[in-house]
Amino acid sequence: MRMLTILAAGCAAALMCAGCARSAPPAFDGASAFVFLREQCDMGPRYPGSPGHAAIQRYLVEKLAAFGARVSEQPFEAVLSTGDTLRLVNVVGAYRPEARKRILLGAHYDTRPRADRDPDPAKRAQPILGANDGASGVAVLLEIARLLAASPPSVGVDLVFFDGEDWGEEGNTMDYLLGSRRYAKSLGLRRPAAMILVDMVGERDSRMPIEGFSAAASPALCARIYGIARTLRLPNFVQSQGASIIDDHLPFIQAGIPAIDLIDFEYPYWHTLADTPDKCSSESLAAVGSVLVRYLWEER
């Protein structure tokens, strides 16, 4: 009887170990992600207060719910340096909400309310469409959400869509990063093990060096992400340090959380009316998405 008990326990342990074995990372579909990019751009500019801004919030909530996330919204008011107030909403999709170890993937969904870098001065007061600067990061996260719905990894994953990243005027950093600042302050003890920001990653033939603040504050995370890219032989990831960018990863670095910004900042259509879907590609989206999927599904 004792031998049978031991054998039964051994079989149960083997089954449990088999269930805990690493599953192969799913394939990231760049074409599917590009559909998400186009759907956002079909809403028009998505700056706070615009019809597109309300539409993208509904879209994110609906997509995340359809992809099995526990969806929450974080509405807040941001007081600007001008004294004006913006009503903003961060949107969150949580997978394995019970898991203690969590990875946060972030992207901003708002677009620039003014094309202040447009070559035509007469057009600089017009809002941009934001195919790369806004929609590309969101598209990558939504495709990952679709994969998480089918077979989530062993760690918890929070997909956070930040509002109010791109409102500010050049030279005044106080009115940027409004959503990420709010979200980072609200974390309390619910701190992720790592935060990965995906911003401006859709440009055709994108090239992403290691962002400077990320390299200085989170060298191990940078080495891990760029090591995966090297293993996958992805030329989009440039294995050297680039510029330091004020972006939504900074509030997390300031909170002591390892964070990295995946960004191709050498984008000639940045903050212009020419930031449209034809400047982006499914291949560039797939390069970033493939690295993130491999990272998430290998985490324990």
Protein backbone atom coordinates (compact mmCIF):
# COMPACT_ATOMS: atom_id res chain seq x y z
CA MET A 1 0.00 0.00 0.00
CA ARG A 2 2.86 2.31 0.83
CA MET A 3 4.52 1.54 -2.53
CA LEU A 4 1.28 2.27 -4.39
CA THR A 5 0.98 5.57 -2.54
CA ILE A 6 4.54 6.52 -3.46
CA LEU A 7 3.97 5.55 -7.09
CA ALA A 8 0.74 7.53 -7.20
CA ALA A 9 2.43 10.55 -5.69
CA GLY A 10 5.25 10.23 -8.21
CA CYS A 11 2.82 10.09 -11.11
CA ALA A 12 0.95 13.12 -9.80
CA ALA A 13 4.20 15.06 -9.43
CA ALA A 14 5.21 14.12 -12.96
CA LEU A 15 1.90 15.35 -14.26
CA MET A 16 2.26 18.57 -12.31
CA CYS A 17 5.77 19.11 -13.70
CA ALA A 18 4.53 18.44 -17.20
CA GLY A 19 1.88 21.07 -16.68
CA CYS A 20 4.54 23.51 -15.46
CA ALA A 21 6.88 22.92 -18.39
CA ARG A 22 7.57 25.92 -20.53
CA SER A 23 5.27 26.15 -23.50
CA ALA A 24 6.70 27.43 -26.75
CA PRO A 25 6.06 31.15 -27.25
CA PRO A 26 3.22 31.75 -29.73
CA ALA A 27 3.91 33.41 -33.06
CA PHE A 28 3.33 37.17 -33.17
CA ASP A 29 1.30 38.11 -36.26
CA GLY A 30 2.52 41.41 -37.68
CA ALA A 31 -0.32 41.54 -40.21
CA SER A 32 -2.88 41.25 -37.41
CA ALA A 33 -1.12 44.02 -35.48
CA PHE A 34 -1.18 46.23 -38.58
CA VAL A 35 -4.96 45.84 -38.73
CA PHE A 36 -5.13 47.24 -35.19
CA LEU A 37 -2.93 50.15 -36.31
CA ARG A 38 -5.24 50.97 -39.22
CA GLU A 39 -8.36 50.67 -37.10
CA GLN A 40 -7.02 53.32 -34.74
CA CYS A 41 -6.13 55.67 -37.57
CA ASP A 42 -9.61 55.23 -39.04
CA MET A 43 -10.87 57.03 -35.91
CA GLY A 44 -8.93 60.16 -36.88
CA PRO A 45 -6.75 62.14 -34.45
CA ARG A 46 -7.10 60.87 -30.89
CA TYR A 47 -5.99 63.76 -28.70
CA PRO A 48 -7.83 64.46 -25.40
CA GLY A 49 -11.23 66.05 -25.97
CA SER A 50 -11.57 64.90 -29.59
CA PRO A 51 -14.18 62.44 -30.90
CA GLY A 52 -11.33 60.06 -31.74
CA HIS A 53 -10.14 60.16 -28.14
CA ALA A 54 -13.50 58.90 -26.87
CA ALA A 55 -13.63 56.33 -29.68
CA ILE A 56 -10.19 54.87 -28.91
CA GLN A 57 -11.07 54.48 -25.23
CA ARG A 58 -14.16 52.45 -26.13
CA TYR A 59 -12.15 50.46 -28.66
CA LEU A 60 -9.47 49.52 -26.13
CA VAL A 61 -11.98 48.43 -23.50
CA GLU A 62 -13.90 46.34 -26.04
CA LYS A 63 -10.80 44.71 -27.52
CA LEU A 64 -9.30 43.84 -24.15
CA ALA A 65 -12.60 42.38 -22.93
CA ALA A 66 -12.89 40.33 -26.12
CA PHE A 67 -9.34 39.06 -25.54
CA GLY A 68 -10.12 37.84 -22.03
CA ALA A 69 -8.44 40.53 -19.95
CA ARG A 70 -9.70 41.83 -16.65
CA VAL A 71 -10.30 45.38 -17.80
CA SER A 72 -10.17 48.46 -15.62
CA GLU A 73 -10.10 52.18 -16.27
CA GLN A 74 -8.27 54.84 -14.29
CA PRO A 75 -9.97 58.20 -14.88
CA PHE A 76 -8.18 61.25 -13.53
CA GLU A 77 -7.83 64.98 -13.96
CA ALA A 78 -4.46 66.42 -14.89
CA VAL A 79 -3.82 70.05 -13.99
CA LEU A 80 -1.51 71.57 -16.61
CA SER A 81 1.18 74.18 -16.14
CA THR A 82 -1.22 76.65 -17.78
CA GLY A 83 -3.79 76.05 -15.04
CA ASP A 84 -6.12 74.21 -17.43
CA THR A 85 -7.42 70.73 -16.57
CA LEU A 86 -7.53 67.67 -18.82
CA ARG A 87 -9.87 64.75 -18.14
CA LEU A 88 -7.91 61.62 -19.00
CA VAL A 89 -8.26 57.85 -18.66
CA ASN A 90 -5.65 55.12 -18.45
CA VAL A 91 -6.96 51.76 -19.68
CA VAL A 92 -5.60 48.50 -18.20
CA GLY A 93 -5.95 44.88 -19.26
CA ALA A 94 -4.72 42.36 -16.66
CA TYR A 95 -3.88 38.71 -17.36
CA ARG A 96 -3.40 36.22 -14.53
CA PRO A 97 -4.41 38.91 -12.02
CA GLU A 98 -3.69 36.49 -9.16
CA ALA A 99 -0.01 36.10 -10.12
CA ARG A 100 2.43 37.84 -7.78
CA LYS A 101 5.16 38.36 -10.35
CA ARG A 102 3.93 40.79 -12.99
CA ILE A 103 5.31 42.34 -16.15
CA LEU A 104 3.90 45.67 -17.33
CA LEU A 105 3.78 46.47 -21.04
CA GLY A 106 2.84 50.06 -21.79
CA ALA A 107 1.97 52.27 -24.75
CA HIS A 108 0.32 55.67 -25.09
CA TYR A 109 -2.92 55.84 -27.07
CA ASP A 110 -3.37 59.61 -27.33
CA THR A 111 -2.04 61.52 -30.33
CA ARG A 112 -0.42 64.93 -30.66
CA PRO A 113 -2.95 67.79 -30.77
CA ARG A 114 -0.67 69.90 -32.98
CA ALA A 115 1.69 69.10 -35.88
CA ASP A 116 4.36 71.44 -34.56
CA ARG A 117 7.13 69.74 -36.57
CA ASP A 118 5.31 69.85 -39.90
CA PRO A 119 7.40 71.37 -42.71
CA ASP A 120 4.46 73.62 -43.62
CA PRO A 121 4.07 76.31 -40.91
CA ALA A 122 0.43 76.82 -41.95
CA LYS A 123 -0.39 73.25 -40.85
CA ARG A 124 1.33 73.20 -37.46
CA ALA A 125 -1.83 73.87 -35.48
CA GLN A 126 -3.57 70.79 -36.93
CA PRO A 127 -3.73 67.50 -34.98
CA ILE A 128 -1.72 64.53 -36.26
CA LEU A 129 -3.05 61.08 -37.14
CA GLY A 130 -0.31 59.34 -35.16
CA ALA A 131 0.09 56.07 -37.06
CA ASN A 132 3.56 55.50 -35.64
CA ASP A 133 3.47 57.91 -32.71
CA GLY A 134 0.67 56.30 -30.78
CA ALA A 135 -1.03 53.64 -32.88
CA SER A 136 2.02 51.41 -33.44
CA GLY A 137 2.66 50.74 -29.75
CA VAL A 138 -1.03 50.15 -29.08
CA ALA A 139 -1.19 47.75 -32.05
CA VAL A 140 1.68 45.64 -30.69
CA LEU A 141 0.04 45.41 -27.26
CA LEU A 142 -3.34 44.46 -28.71
CA GLU A 143 -1.83 41.64 -30.73
CA ILE A 144 -0.10 40.42 -27.58
CA ALA A 145 -3.49 40.60 -25.83
CA ARG A 146 -4.92 38.34 -28.52
CA LEU A 147 -2.14 35.82 -27.84
CA LEU A 148 -2.54 36.08 -24.07
CA ALA A 149 -6.20 35.16 -24.44
CA ALA A 150 -5.26 31.83 -26.04
CA SER A 151 -2.37 30.74 -23.80
CA PRO A 152 -1.11 33.13 -21.12
CA PRO A 153 2.45 32.68 -19.78
CA SER A 154 3.15 31.77 -16.17
CA VAL A 155 3.70 35.38 -15.05
CA GLY A 156 1.02 38.01 -14.69
CA VAL A 157 0.89 40.57 -17.48
CA ASP A 158 -0.60 44.05 -17.31
CA LEU A 159 -1.16 45.88 -20.58
CA VAL A 160 -1.42 49.57 -19.73
CA PHE A 161 -2.57 52.12 -22.29
CA PHE A 162 -1.50 55.57 -21.13
CA ASP A 163 -3.42 58.75 -21.83
CA GLY A 164 -1.97 62.25 -22.09
CA GLU A 165 1.58 61.34 -23.11
CA ASP A 166 1.78 63.82 -25.98
CA TRP A 167 -0.12 66.89 -24.86
CA GLY A 168 2.74 69.17 -23.84
CA GLU A 169 4.48 71.99 -25.67
CA GLU A 170 8.10 71.58 -26.67
CA GLY A 171 10.39 72.94 -23.97
CA ASN A 172 7.86 72.30 -21.18
CA THR A 173 8.17 68.74 -19.89
CA MET A 174 5.56 69.23 -17.14
CA ASP A 175 2.62 68.64 -19.48
CA TYR A 176 3.90 65.38 -20.98
CA LEU A 177 3.65 61.81 -19.60
CA LEU A 178 0.45 62.62 -17.73
CA GLY A 179 -1.01 59.11 -17.76
CA SER A 180 2.18 57.24 -16.92
CA ARG A 181 2.95 59.60 -14.05
CA ARG A 182 -0.49 59.02 -12.61
CA TYR A 183 -0.33 55.26 -13.03
CA ALA A 184 3.16 54.91 -11.53
CA LYS A 185 2.10 56.91 -8.46
CA SER A 186 -0.94 54.70 -7.97
CA LEU A 187 0.95 51.39 -7.91
CA GLY A 188 1.64 51.27 -4.19
CA LEU A 189 2.84 47.77 -3.34
CA ARG A 190 1.60 46.34 -6.65
CA ARG A 191 4.93 46.92 -8.33
CA PRO A 192 5.77 45.03 -11.52
CA ALA A 193 9.05 43.16 -11.84
CA ALA A 194 9.70 45.07 -15.06
CA MET A 195 8.09 47.71 -17.26
CA ILE A 196 8.53 47.73 -21.05
CA LEU A 197 7.35 50.74 -23.04
CA VAL A 198 6.52 50.36 -26.73
CA ASP A 199 6.50 53.69 -28.59
CA MET A 200 7.07 54.59 -32.25
CA VAL A 201 7.99 51.06 -33.33
CA GLY A 202 6.08 50.81 -36.61
CA GLU A 203 8.29 52.72 -39.07
CA ARG A 204 9.37 50.79 -42.14
CA ASP A 205 12.91 49.45 -41.62
CA SER A 206 12.87 50.68 -38.03
CA ARG A 207 16.11 50.91 -36.08
CA MET A 208 15.99 50.97 -32.28
CA PRO A 209 19.21 51.52 -30.33
CA ILE A 210 19.14 51.04 -26.57
CA GLU A 211 17.49 54.16 -25.13
CA GLY A 212 19.83 56.09 -22.84
CA PHE A 213 17.79 56.34 -19.61
CA SER A 214 16.91 52.64 -19.95
CA ALA A 215 20.57 51.66 -20.34
CA ALA A 216 21.61 53.68 -17.29
CA ALA A 217 18.81 52.59 -14.95
CA SER A 218 17.98 49.08 -16.14
CA PRO A 219 21.03 47.44 -17.75
CA ALA A 220 19.97 43.87 -16.97
CA LEU A 221 16.54 44.34 -18.56
CA CYS A 222 18.11 45.98 -21.61
CA ALA A 223 20.58 43.10 -21.94
CA ARG A 224 17.74 40.58 -21.72
CA ILE A 225 15.54 42.27 -24.34
CA TYR A 226 18.34 43.03 -26.77
CA GLY A 227 19.81 39.57 -26.21
CA ILE A 228 16.52 38.02 -27.34
CA ALA A 229 16.54 40.28 -30.40
CA ARG A 230 20.09 39.18 -31.20
CA THR A 231 19.09 35.52 -30.86
CA LEU A 232 16.17 36.13 -33.24
CA ARG A 233 18.53 37.97 -35.62
CA LEU A 234 16.39 41.07 -35.80
CA PRO A 235 18.29 44.02 -37.33
CA ASN A 236 15.61 46.44 -36.05
CA PHE A 237 17.28 46.23 -32.62
CA VAL A 238 20.59 48.11 -32.79
CA GLN A 239 23.02 46.68 -30.24
CA SER A 240 24.40 50.03 -29.10
CA GLN A 241 23.25 52.92 -26.95
CA GLY A 242 21.24 55.75 -28.48
CA ALA A 243 19.71 59.01 -27.28
CA SER A 244 17.99 59.52 -23.93
CA ILE A 245 14.26 60.12 -24.50
CA ILE A 246 11.70 61.68 -22.16
CA ASP A 247 8.95 59.09 -22.41
CA ASP A 248 6.45 57.06 -20.40
CA HIS A 249 9.09 54.74 -18.92
CA LEU A 250 10.63 57.53 -16.85
CA PRO A 251 8.02 57.62 -14.04
CA PHE A 252 8.68 53.92 -13.47
CA ILE A 253 12.45 54.35 -13.44
CA GLN A 254 11.97 57.17 -10.93
CA ALA A 255 9.89 54.77 -8.81
CA GLY A 256 12.77 52.27 -8.78
CA ILE A 257 11.19 49.81 -11.24
CA PRO A 258 13.36 48.32 -14.02
CA ALA A 259 12.05 49.87 -17.24
CA ILE A 260 13.02 50.07 -20.89
CA ASP A 261 11.77 52.21 -23.76
CA LEU A 262 11.62 50.49 -27.15
CA ILE A 263 11.55 53.42 -29.56
CA ASP A 264 12.82 54.44 -32.99
CA PHE A 265 13.23 58.16 -32.44
CA GLU A 266 14.85 58.85 -35.81
CA TYR A 267 11.46 59.10 -37.50
CA PRO A 268 11.28 61.88 -40.12
CA TYR A 269 7.48 62.23 -39.81
CA TRP A 270 7.46 62.74 -36.03
CA HIS A 271 4.86 65.33 -35.00
CA THR A 272 3.87 66.02 -38.60
CA LEU A 273 0.71 65.40 -40.62
CA ALA A 274 2.64 62.79 -42.61
CA ASP A 275 2.64 60.31 -39.69
CA THR A 276 0.24 58.01 -41.54
CA PRO A 277 -0.11 54.21 -41.94
CA ASP A 278 1.79 54.10 -45.23
CA LYS A 279 4.96 55.01 -43.31
CA CYS A 280 4.60 51.87 -41.16
CA SER A 281 4.94 48.15 -41.80
CA SER A 282 3.73 44.88 -40.35
CA GLU A 283 7.33 43.61 -40.37
CA SER A 284 8.48 46.31 -37.96
CA LEU A 285 5.56 45.60 -35.64
CA ALA A 286 6.36 41.89 -35.79
CA ALA A 287 10.01 42.45 -34.86
CA VAL A 288 9.09 44.15 -31.59
CA GLY A 289 6.18 41.85 -30.86
CA SER A 290 8.26 38.72 -31.38
CA VAL A 291 10.84 39.86 -28.84
CA LEU A 292 8.20 40.75 -26.27
CA VAL A 293 6.39 37.43 -26.71
CA ARG A 294 9.62 35.49 -26.26
CA TYR A 295 10.43 37.53 -23.15
CA LEU A 296 6.99 37.06 -21.55
CA TRP A 297 6.72 33.35 -22.22
CA GLU A 298 10.24 32.67 -20.89
CA GLU A 299 9.69 34.55 -17.63
CA ARG A 300 9.15 32.59 -14.42
